[in-house]
Protein backbone atom coordinates (compact mmCIF):
# COMPACT_ATOMS: atom_id res chain seq x y z
CA PRO A 1 -3.27 19.70 80.54
CA GLU A 2 -1.60 23.27 80.93
CA VAL A 3 1.56 21.99 81.88
CA LYS A 4 2.86 21.20 78.51
CA SER A 5 7.00 21.64 78.51
CA MET A 6 9.63 21.58 80.96
CA ALA A 7 9.33 25.01 81.37
CA GLU A 8 5.88 24.86 82.30
CA LEU A 9 6.03 22.02 84.41
CA LYS A 10 9.29 23.93 86.93
CA SER A 11 6.90 27.54 86.57
CA LYS A 12 3.85 25.83 88.24
CA LEU A 13 6.08 23.55 90.93
CA ALA A 14 7.76 27.08 91.64
CA ASP A 15 4.08 28.47 92.24
CA ILE A 16 3.16 25.74 94.98
CA ALA A 17 6.30 25.67 96.56
CA ALA A 18 5.84 29.34 97.46
CA ARG A 19 2.26 29.12 98.80
CA THR A 20 3.56 25.74 100.47
CA PRO A 21 5.17 25.42 104.50
CA LYS A 22 8.67 25.00 104.05
CA GLY A 23 9.08 21.15 104.80
CA GLN A 24 6.53 20.21 103.82
CA TRP A 25 5.28 17.39 100.80
CA ILE A 26 4.41 18.68 97.25
CA VAL A 27 2.75 15.79 95.22
CA GLY A 28 1.48 16.34 91.73
CA TYR A 29 0.81 14.57 88.41
CA TYR A 30 1.39 15.40 85.06
CA LEU A 31 0.45 14.24 81.74
CA ALA A 32 3.43 15.13 79.46
CA VAL A 33 5.95 17.44 78.49
CA THR A 34 7.39 18.12 75.19
CA GLU A 35 10.98 17.40 75.78
CA GLY A 36 10.36 13.89 75.42
CA ARG A 37 11.86 12.81 78.73
CA VAL A 38 10.58 12.32 82.27
CA PRO A 39 11.47 14.84 84.81
CA ASN A 40 14.55 14.49 87.08
CA ARG A 41 15.89 15.43 90.37
CA HIS A 42 17.85 18.32 88.56
CA ASP A 43 14.64 19.70 86.82
CA LEU A 44 12.85 19.82 90.70
CA ASP A 45 15.52 21.12 92.38
CA PRO A 46 15.90 24.34 91.66
CA VAL A 47 12.48 25.13 92.41
CA SER A 48 11.97 23.36 94.92
CA PRO A 49 15.34 23.31 97.26
CA ASN A 50 12.86 23.75 100.21
CA HIS A 51 10.07 20.97 99.60
CA PRO A 52 10.39 17.04 99.19
CA VAL A 53 8.56 16.67 95.95
CA TRP A 54 7.04 13.73 94.15
CA MET A 55 5.66 14.05 90.39
CA MET A 56 3.80 11.02 89.23
CA GLN A 57 3.03 10.70 85.32
CA GLN A 58 -0.52 10.52 85.18
CA GLY A 59 -0.52 6.92 83.94
CA GLY A 60 0.98 5.49 87.22
CA HIS A 61 4.04 4.10 85.55
CA TYR A 62 6.66 6.07 86.49
CA GLY A 63 7.57 9.47 88.42
CA ALA A 64 10.07 11.53 89.75
CA ALA A 65 11.01 12.86 93.43
CA ASN A 66 13.35 15.93 94.25
CA SER A 67 16.54 15.34 96.36
CA LEU A 68 14.78 16.35 99.38
CA GLY A 69 12.07 13.65 98.32
CA LEU A 70 14.70 10.86 98.20
CA GLN A 71 16.69 12.02 101.52
CA ALA A 72 12.96 12.08 103.38
CA ALA A 73 12.49 8.95 102.01
CA GLY A 74 16.55 7.56 103.32
CA ILE A 75 17.11 6.43 99.31
CA THR A 76 20.64 6.87 98.62
CA SER A 77 22.55 5.34 95.38
CA LYS A 78 23.25 2.41 97.19
CA THR A 79 19.60 1.51 97.08
CA ALA A 80 18.86 -1.59 95.35
CA ASN A 81 16.27 -1.70 92.81
CA PRO A 82 12.95 -3.47 94.00
CA VAL A 83 11.86 -6.55 92.15
CA GLY A 84 9.90 -5.12 89.24
CA GLY A 85 11.21 -1.84 89.83
CA ILE A 86 13.59 0.45 88.84
CA ILE A 87 15.51 3.61 90.73
CA GLU A 88 17.34 5.16 87.59
CA ARG A 89 21.27 5.97 87.94
CA ASP A 90 22.89 8.06 85.30
CA ALA A 91 26.09 6.97 83.92
CA ALA A 92 27.89 7.59 87.09
CA GLY A 93 25.33 6.00 89.10
CA GLU A 94 23.92 8.96 90.91
CA LEU A 95 20.09 8.77 91.16
CA THR A 96 18.22 10.78 89.01
CA GLY A 97 15.21 10.74 91.21
CA VAL A 98 13.30 8.55 88.24
CA PHE A 99 11.46 5.73 89.68
CA TYR A 100 9.50 3.30 87.20
CA ASN A 101 7.01 1.22 88.39
CA HIS A 102 5.11 0.65 91.38
CA ARG A 103 7.38 -1.17 93.72
CA ALA A 104 10.42 1.28 92.67
CA MET A 105 8.09 4.31 93.18
CA ASP A 106 6.29 2.63 97.24
CA LEU A 107 10.18 2.98 98.35
CA LEU A 108 9.66 6.47 97.76
CA ARG A 109 5.50 7.06 98.34
CA LYS A 110 6.05 5.31 101.90
CA ALA A 111 7.35 8.74 103.02
CA ILE A 112 4.51 10.96 101.71
CA PRO A 113 2.12 11.47 104.08
CA LEU A 114 -1.10 9.49 103.24
CA TRP A 115 -4.40 11.40 101.76
CA THR A 116 -6.60 11.55 104.40
CA ALA A 117 -10.21 10.34 104.10
CA GLU A 118 -11.50 14.21 103.78
CA GLN A 119 -9.59 14.72 101.12
CA THR A 120 -9.74 11.96 99.35
CA ARG A 121 -13.73 12.47 99.89
CA GLU A 122 -13.21 15.83 98.06
CA ASN A 123 -10.89 14.44 95.52
CA ILE A 124 -13.50 12.04 94.47
CA ILE A 125 -16.33 14.59 94.17
CA GLY A 126 -14.76 17.56 93.07
CA THR A 127 -13.19 15.68 90.41
CA GLN A 128 -16.85 14.34 89.13
CA SER A 129 -17.79 17.49 88.69
CA VAL A 130 -14.50 18.47 86.15
CA PHE A 131 -14.98 15.63 84.29
CA ALA A 132 -19.27 16.05 83.83
CA ALA A 133 -18.07 19.70 82.93
CA CYS A 134 -15.99 18.48 79.99
CA GLY A 135 -18.62 15.42 78.68
CA VAL A 136 -17.25 11.99 80.93
CA THR A 137 -20.36 10.48 82.24
CA THR A 138 -17.99 6.92 83.11
CA PHE A 139 -14.19 7.00 84.68
CA HIS A 140 -11.56 4.22 86.24
CA ASP A 141 -9.58 4.89 89.02
CA ASN A 142 -7.23 1.89 88.48
CA ASN A 143 -4.90 2.52 91.39
CA VAL A 144 -6.67 2.94 94.38
CA ARG A 145 -4.06 2.39 97.00
CA GLY A 146 -5.45 1.73 100.83
CA THR A 147 -8.59 -0.11 102.26
CA GLU A 148 -9.54 3.55 103.39
CA ALA A 149 -9.47 4.71 99.87
CA VAL A 150 -11.81 2.13 98.63
CA LYS A 151 -14.18 2.56 101.96
CA VAL A 152 -14.35 6.38 100.74
CA TYR A 153 -15.38 5.54 97.86
CA LEU A 154 -18.06 3.50 99.21
CA ASP A 155 -19.16 6.11 101.79
CA VAL A 156 -19.65 8.79 98.65
CA GLY A 157 -21.73 6.44 96.62
CA LYS A 158 -24.07 5.29 99.49
CA GLN A 159 -24.32 8.94 100.23
CA GLY A 160 -25.65 9.30 96.93
CA LYS A 161 -22.95 12.01 95.74
CA MET A 162 -21.49 9.61 92.96
CA TYR A 163 -23.09 10.44 89.70
CA LEU A 164 -20.83 9.31 87.33
CA ARG A 165 -20.71 6.15 86.40
CA SER A 166 -17.54 4.32 87.85
CA SER A 167 -15.13 1.21 88.63
CA VAL A 168 -12.48 1.55 90.89
CA TYR A 169 -9.56 -1.12 90.69
CA TYR A 170 -7.54 -1.97 94.14
CA THR A 171 -4.43 -1.84 93.38
CA LEU A 172 -2.37 -5.32 93.91
CA GLU A 173 0.95 -5.41 92.93
CA TRP A 174 2.26 -6.99 96.26
CA PRO A 175 1.07 -10.07 95.73
CA ASN A 176 1.72 -11.43 99.28
């Protein structure tokens, strides 16, 4: 919520980049920026020249990578759009770094290290306290990826640490 403009997004990313070891991925989420457009690699590159970056819109259907992120994933202007997804290009055919829908985003996300079980556990437990402090009593995680993440949710519940009502939805964008 504290990031509401492109300037705030860039400032926050620059701050995180300054504290992150060179070459390590920076993965973040944003809700909206006031400029009414999606951040792109031209926004992300200047403030994160030494880190591959992936910033996904909180709704989960689009996001943007910087140039190092594109490079790490091996995505070039010759990379075809997958069925059901769009890798955005500008008028000259160059990549903007913006990806629409999971099938396109997965081409990039395959290069990002997966969350460990402990990180997933910490995220589940830590997020609940933030929700509860705001009066939220129920949540839906509608983009759970990987059977390990589902297992962690189940383990947190068995340990009695799931104190909010919740529904967990496994992402099934790949019918096969």
